[in-house]
Amino acid sequence: MSRGQIPTDKMKSIQERLPDLSDVMRKVRILSPDTISIRTGPKSRIPIAAVCFNDAFSTLEETHYAIRESYAHEVWYREETNPPDQLTSNYFVRFYCDDAALRLYAAIEHLANAILAMVPTNKSILKRYRSKRVNLAAAVRKYLVNHRPNHSVTKSVSKLAQSQDWIQTLDYRGLWVHQQPPLVSGFGMQWKRNVRWQEIIVDGNVTGFRLYGGSGGDKADLTVEELRRRTGSAFALFVQVYDEVLDFYLRLLARKKIRLKGNSLTVKLP
């Protein structure tokens, strides 16, 4: 293991900082596409949404674990290790926050697929919103905003686009995958992928070049604490949005005589 056992009270305190997924799990884990198909017919995609919701929830559970472990490793290496090991603590906080950011991207894509399976959309129009660099979730949100602005699902997913923490977390993931991850402080000297020479311009003319920067590396973009705060905030907001969209799905099923009762899914036979 990368950490030892931390005191129960500290672990409880960590758990209290994270969203409780138990109620969402109760609702989503009994959604069976086989059972739902009894009432929706052979050509309906509504049962597929149940699979997408379950896929998204699995990713949420993994994200929950990652953020929890970022706190647990910090406690272990800063408070339970003698002497404290700040560098290793920083490493694991960033490691698990990176993991959470990657999983949140996957989770919103799963949710977008669930929405497409249960909310009628015009495929040809939807395609207009998706270029080579636009992910499915962004295309679905733009479609909903422009063509289903009053839909409850539109109002829910729009909350993500209005959140700076959500936007920055997905931007972080994009840079992490496609370019250079933002520099996080606490890891010694680091450098950005910039040319180290600057032009010397006199009267509009380039007269020479000079090296910029010093021997201490480039300035970091954020701290590990800032990275975790916004990743945790993005996670909490997504759980809320996911739950709201899931509740719409359950109302849709209820209209088709498929209801959630306690720990079971009841279906009125045709």
Protein backbone atom coordinates (compact mmCIF):
# COMPACT_ATOMS: atom_id res chain seq x y z
CA MET A 1 0.00 0.00 0.00
CA SER A 2 1.07 3.58 -0.60
CA ARG A 3 -0.16 4.63 2.86
CA GLY A 4 -0.80 3.15 6.27
CA GLN A 5 -3.96 3.05 8.37
CA ILE A 6 -5.02 6.48 9.55
CA PRO A 7 -7.10 7.10 12.70
CA THR A 8 -10.84 6.44 12.44
CA ASP A 9 -11.81 9.98 13.45
CA LYS A 10 -9.65 11.48 10.71
CA MET A 11 -11.07 9.08 8.13
CA LYS A 12 -14.59 10.01 9.22
CA SER A 13 -13.73 13.69 8.81
CA ILE A 14 -12.52 13.00 5.27
CA GLN A 15 -15.72 11.13 4.39
CA GLU A 16 -17.80 14.06 5.58
CA ARG A 17 -16.10 16.34 3.05
CA LEU A 18 -17.35 14.25 0.14
CA PRO A 19 -20.85 13.78 -1.31
CA ASP A 20 -22.78 10.79 0.01
CA LEU A 21 -23.51 8.51 -2.95
CA SER A 22 -25.69 6.01 -1.10
CA ASP A 23 -29.07 7.47 -2.13
CA VAL A 24 -28.02 7.75 -5.77
CA MET A 25 -26.71 4.19 -5.69
CA ARG A 26 -30.05 2.94 -4.35
CA LYS A 27 -31.84 4.46 -7.32
CA VAL A 28 -29.46 3.56 -10.14
CA ARG A 29 -28.18 0.10 -9.31
CA ILE A 30 -31.57 -1.58 -9.69
CA LEU A 31 -32.20 -0.11 -13.14
CA SER A 32 -32.24 -3.16 -15.40
CA PRO A 33 -32.41 -2.65 -19.18
CA ASP A 34 -34.03 -6.08 -19.45
CA THR A 35 -36.86 -5.15 -17.09
CA ILE A 36 -37.35 -1.70 -18.64
CA SER A 37 -37.51 -3.21 -22.13
CA ILE A 38 -40.72 -5.03 -21.19
CA ARG A 39 -42.63 -1.74 -21.36
CA THR A 40 -40.64 0.28 -23.91
CA GLY A 41 -40.76 -1.94 -26.97
CA PRO A 42 -38.18 -3.41 -29.37
CA LYS A 43 -37.01 -0.15 -30.97
CA SER A 44 -36.79 2.07 -27.90
CA ARG A 45 -33.41 3.34 -26.68
CA ILE A 46 -34.79 4.23 -23.27
CA PRO A 47 -33.43 0.99 -21.70
CA ILE A 48 -29.94 1.91 -22.96
CA ALA A 49 -30.06 5.02 -20.76
CA ALA A 50 -30.17 2.73 -17.71
CA VAL A 51 -26.85 1.20 -18.78
CA CYS A 52 -25.31 4.63 -19.35
CA PHE A 53 -26.48 5.82 -15.93
CA ASN A 54 -24.87 2.75 -14.33
CA ASP A 55 -21.63 3.33 -16.24
CA ALA A 56 -21.57 6.95 -15.09
CA PHE A 57 -22.22 5.96 -11.50
CA SER A 58 -19.37 3.44 -11.53
CA THR A 59 -17.12 6.29 -12.64
CA LEU A 60 -18.50 8.50 -9.86
CA GLU A 61 -17.68 5.85 -7.27
CA GLU A 62 -14.13 5.73 -8.60
CA THR A 63 -13.90 9.52 -8.50
CA HIS A 64 -15.17 9.50 -4.91
CA TYR A 65 -12.43 7.01 -4.03
CA ALA A 66 -9.74 9.11 -5.75
CA ILE A 67 -10.61 12.34 -3.94
CA ARG A 68 -10.96 10.50 -0.63
CA GLU A 69 -7.52 8.99 -1.08
CA SER A 70 -6.00 12.38 -1.89
CA TYR A 71 -7.04 13.47 1.61
CA ALA A 72 -6.07 10.17 3.24
CA HIS A 73 -2.58 10.20 1.73
CA GLU A 74 -2.12 13.81 2.76
CA VAL A 75 -3.02 12.95 6.35
CA TRP A 76 -0.71 9.95 6.33
CA TYR A 77 2.37 11.70 4.96
CA ARG A 78 1.88 15.04 6.72
CA GLU A 79 0.47 13.99 10.08
CA GLU A 80 1.08 10.28 10.67
CA THR A 81 4.58 9.98 9.22
CA ASN A 82 7.58 11.01 11.31
CA PRO A 83 9.19 13.13 10.05
CA PRO A 84 6.45 14.51 7.78
CA ASP A 85 7.04 13.88 4.09
CA GLN A 86 5.68 16.94 2.25
CA LEU A 87 6.92 15.97 -1.20
CA THR A 88 5.32 12.52 -1.13
CA SER A 89 2.10 14.04 0.22
CA ASN A 90 2.04 16.50 -2.69
CA TYR A 91 2.71 13.70 -5.14
CA PHE A 92 -0.26 11.62 -4.03
CA VAL A 93 -2.64 14.57 -3.75
CA ARG A 94 -1.87 15.49 -7.34
CA PHE A 95 -1.92 11.86 -8.48
CA TYR A 96 -5.43 11.25 -7.16
CA CYS A 97 -6.75 14.64 -8.31
CA ASP A 98 -5.43 13.92 -11.80
CA ASP A 99 -7.24 10.60 -11.67
CA ALA A 100 -10.47 12.28 -10.52
CA ALA A 101 -10.32 14.85 -13.34
CA LEU A 102 -9.90 12.11 -15.94
CA ARG A 103 -12.84 10.16 -14.53
CA LEU A 104 -15.10 13.21 -14.40
CA TYR A 105 -14.55 13.66 -18.13
CA ALA A 106 -15.60 10.05 -18.68
CA ALA A 107 -18.60 10.47 -16.37
CA ILE A 108 -20.03 13.45 -18.29
CA GLU A 109 -19.64 11.53 -21.55
CA HIS A 110 -21.60 8.60 -20.07
CA LEU A 111 -24.29 11.01 -18.89
CA ALA A 112 -24.47 12.60 -22.36
CA ASN A 113 -25.11 9.17 -23.85
CA ALA A 114 -27.86 8.58 -21.29
CA ILE A 115 -29.49 11.87 -22.29
CA LEU A 116 -29.39 10.96 -25.98
CA ALA A 117 -31.09 7.66 -25.19
CA MET A 118 -34.01 9.23 -23.33
CA VAL A 119 -34.49 12.77 -24.70
CA PRO A 120 -35.64 12.93 -28.35
CA THR A 121 -33.02 14.69 -30.49
CA ASN A 122 -32.52 15.43 -34.16
CA LYS A 123 -29.32 13.61 -35.09
CA SER A 124 -28.55 15.75 -38.11
CA ILE A 125 -28.87 18.96 -36.09
CA LEU A 126 -26.87 17.49 -33.20
CA LYS A 127 -24.06 16.68 -35.62
CA ARG A 128 -23.69 20.38 -36.44
CA TYR A 129 -22.62 21.06 -32.85
CA ARG A 130 -19.88 18.48 -32.89
CA SER A 131 -16.56 19.19 -34.57
CA LYS A 132 -13.45 17.05 -34.31
CA ARG A 133 -12.43 18.77 -31.07
CA VAL A 134 -15.86 19.00 -29.43
CA ASN A 135 -16.73 16.17 -27.08
CA LEU A 136 -20.17 14.57 -27.03
CA ALA A 137 -21.21 16.18 -23.75
CA ALA A 138 -20.51 19.70 -25.03
CA ALA A 139 -22.42 19.00 -28.25
CA VAL A 140 -25.40 17.61 -26.36
CA ARG A 141 -25.47 20.60 -24.01
CA LYS A 142 -25.38 23.07 -26.91
CA TYR A 143 -28.15 21.18 -28.66
CA LEU A 144 -30.34 21.19 -25.54
CA VAL A 145 -29.74 24.88 -24.83
CA ASN A 146 -30.68 25.86 -28.38
CA HIS A 147 -33.50 23.39 -29.07
CA ARG A 148 -34.84 22.27 -25.67
CA PRO A 149 -34.12 25.32 -23.45
CA ASN A 150 -36.99 24.72 -21.03
CA HIS A 151 -36.35 21.02 -20.51
CA SER A 152 -35.42 20.06 -16.95
CA VAL A 153 -32.38 18.14 -18.21
CA THR A 154 -31.16 21.28 -20.02
CA LYS A 155 -31.45 23.30 -16.83
CA SER A 156 -29.49 20.67 -14.92
CA VAL A 157 -26.57 20.20 -17.32
CA SER A 158 -26.33 23.98 -17.84
CA LYS A 159 -25.16 24.25 -14.22
CA LEU A 160 -21.90 22.59 -15.22
CA ALA A 161 -21.16 25.12 -17.97
CA GLN A 162 -21.80 27.92 -15.45
CA SER A 163 -19.29 26.55 -12.93
CA GLN A 164 -15.70 27.79 -13.12
CA ASP A 165 -14.54 24.83 -11.05
CA TRP A 166 -16.13 22.41 -13.53
CA ILE A 167 -14.72 24.25 -16.55
CA GLN A 168 -11.23 24.47 -15.04
CA THR A 169 -11.26 20.80 -14.07
CA LEU A 170 -12.12 19.70 -17.61
CA ASP A 171 -9.60 22.18 -19.03
CA TYR A 172 -6.99 20.70 -16.69
CA ARG A 173 -7.84 17.25 -18.00
CA GLY A 174 -7.55 18.51 -21.59
CA LEU A 175 -4.10 19.96 -21.00
CA TRP A 176 -3.09 16.83 -19.07
CA VAL A 177 -3.95 14.66 -22.09
CA HIS A 178 -3.17 16.83 -25.11
CA GLN A 179 -0.48 19.29 -24.05
CA GLN A 180 1.52 19.89 -20.87
CA PRO A 181 -0.23 19.49 -17.50
CA PRO A 182 -0.41 22.79 -15.57
CA LEU A 183 2.51 23.18 -13.20
CA VAL A 184 1.62 22.43 -9.58
CA SER A 185 3.81 23.88 -6.83
CA GLY A 186 5.62 21.73 -4.31
CA PHE A 187 7.63 19.58 -6.73
CA GLY A 188 10.90 21.46 -7.02
CA MET A 189 12.06 23.01 -10.28
CA GLN A 190 9.64 22.68 -13.20
CA TRP A 191 9.59 24.21 -16.66
CA LYS A 192 6.91 25.12 -19.16
CA ARG A 193 7.29 24.15 -22.79
CA ASN A 194 8.36 27.60 -23.90
CA VAL A 195 11.29 28.80 -25.98
CA ARG A 196 13.78 30.12 -23.44
CA TRP A 197 14.92 33.04 -25.56
CA GLN A 198 13.13 36.39 -25.93
CA GLU A 199 13.60 38.85 -28.75
CA ILE A 200 15.21 42.21 -27.96
CA ILE A 201 13.28 44.77 -29.97
CA VAL A 202 14.55 48.32 -30.46
CA ASP A 203 12.55 50.80 -32.54
CA GLY A 204 10.47 47.96 -33.92
CA ASN A 205 13.49 45.92 -35.00
CA VAL A 206 14.86 42.69 -33.52
CA THR A 207 18.39 43.52 -32.40
CA GLY A 208 19.17 40.34 -30.50
CA PHE A 209 17.98 37.76 -28.03
CA ARG A 210 18.19 37.20 -24.30
CA LEU A 211 17.49 34.26 -22.04
CA TYR A 212 14.63 34.86 -19.63
CA GLY A 213 13.94 33.15 -16.36
CA GLY A 214 16.40 32.00 -13.77
CA SER A 215 17.80 28.87 -12.22
CA GLY A 216 14.66 28.20 -10.17
CA GLY A 217 12.41 27.02 -12.99
CA ASP A 218 9.07 28.50 -14.04
CA LYS A 219 6.28 29.68 -11.75
CA ALA A 220 3.64 27.09 -10.94
CA ASP A 221 0.05 27.59 -12.08
CA LEU A 222 -1.57 26.38 -8.86
CA THR A 223 -1.01 24.54 -5.57
CA VAL A 224 -2.07 20.98 -4.80
CA GLU A 225 -4.66 22.40 -2.41
CA GLU A 226 -6.16 24.56 -5.16
CA LEU A 227 -6.18 21.61 -7.55
CA ARG A 228 -8.05 19.45 -5.06
CA ARG A 229 -10.48 22.18 -4.04
CA ARG A 230 -11.72 22.79 -7.56
CA THR A 231 -11.68 19.10 -8.49
CA GLY A 232 -13.70 18.29 -5.38
CA SER A 233 -16.10 21.14 -6.12
CA ALA A 234 -16.56 19.92 -9.71
CA PHE A 235 -17.22 16.41 -8.43
CA ALA A 236 -19.84 17.57 -5.92
CA LEU A 237 -21.63 19.61 -8.58
CA PHE A 238 -21.61 16.73 -11.05
CA VAL A 239 -23.13 14.40 -8.46
CA GLN A 240 -25.96 16.92 -8.02
CA VAL A 241 -26.52 17.25 -11.78
CA TYR A 242 -26.34 13.49 -12.29
CA ASP A 243 -28.95 12.95 -9.57
CA GLU A 244 -31.29 15.52 -11.14
CA VAL A 245 -31.03 13.95 -14.60
CA LEU A 246 -31.49 10.50 -13.06
CA ASP A 247 -34.68 11.71 -11.37
CA PHE A 248 -36.00 12.87 -14.75
CA TYR A 249 -35.31 9.38 -16.09
CA LEU A 250 -37.22 7.82 -13.21
CA ARG A 251 -40.19 10.11 -13.94
CA LEU A 252 -40.01 9.08 -17.58
CA LEU A 253 -40.09 5.42 -16.55
CA ALA A 254 -43.02 6.08 -14.21
CA ARG A 255 -45.04 7.42 -17.15
CA LYS A 256 -44.42 4.10 -18.81
CA LYS A 257 -45.64 2.20 -15.71
CA ILE A 258 -42.13 1.36 -14.51
CA ARG A 259 -41.64 2.49 -10.94
CA LEU A 260 -38.97 2.40 -8.30
CA LYS A 261 -40.40 1.07 -5.04
CA GLY A 262 -37.94 0.63 -2.19
CA ASN A 263 -35.22 -1.66 -3.44
CA SER A 264 -37.10 -3.02 -6.43
CA LEU A 265 -38.26 -1.97 -9.88
CA THR A 266 -41.91 -2.74 -10.54
CA VAL A 267 -43.32 -3.06 -14.04
CA LYS A 268 -46.95 -3.17 -15.06
CA LEU A 269 -47.23 -5.85 -17.70
CA PRO A 270 -48.72 -4.84 -21.05
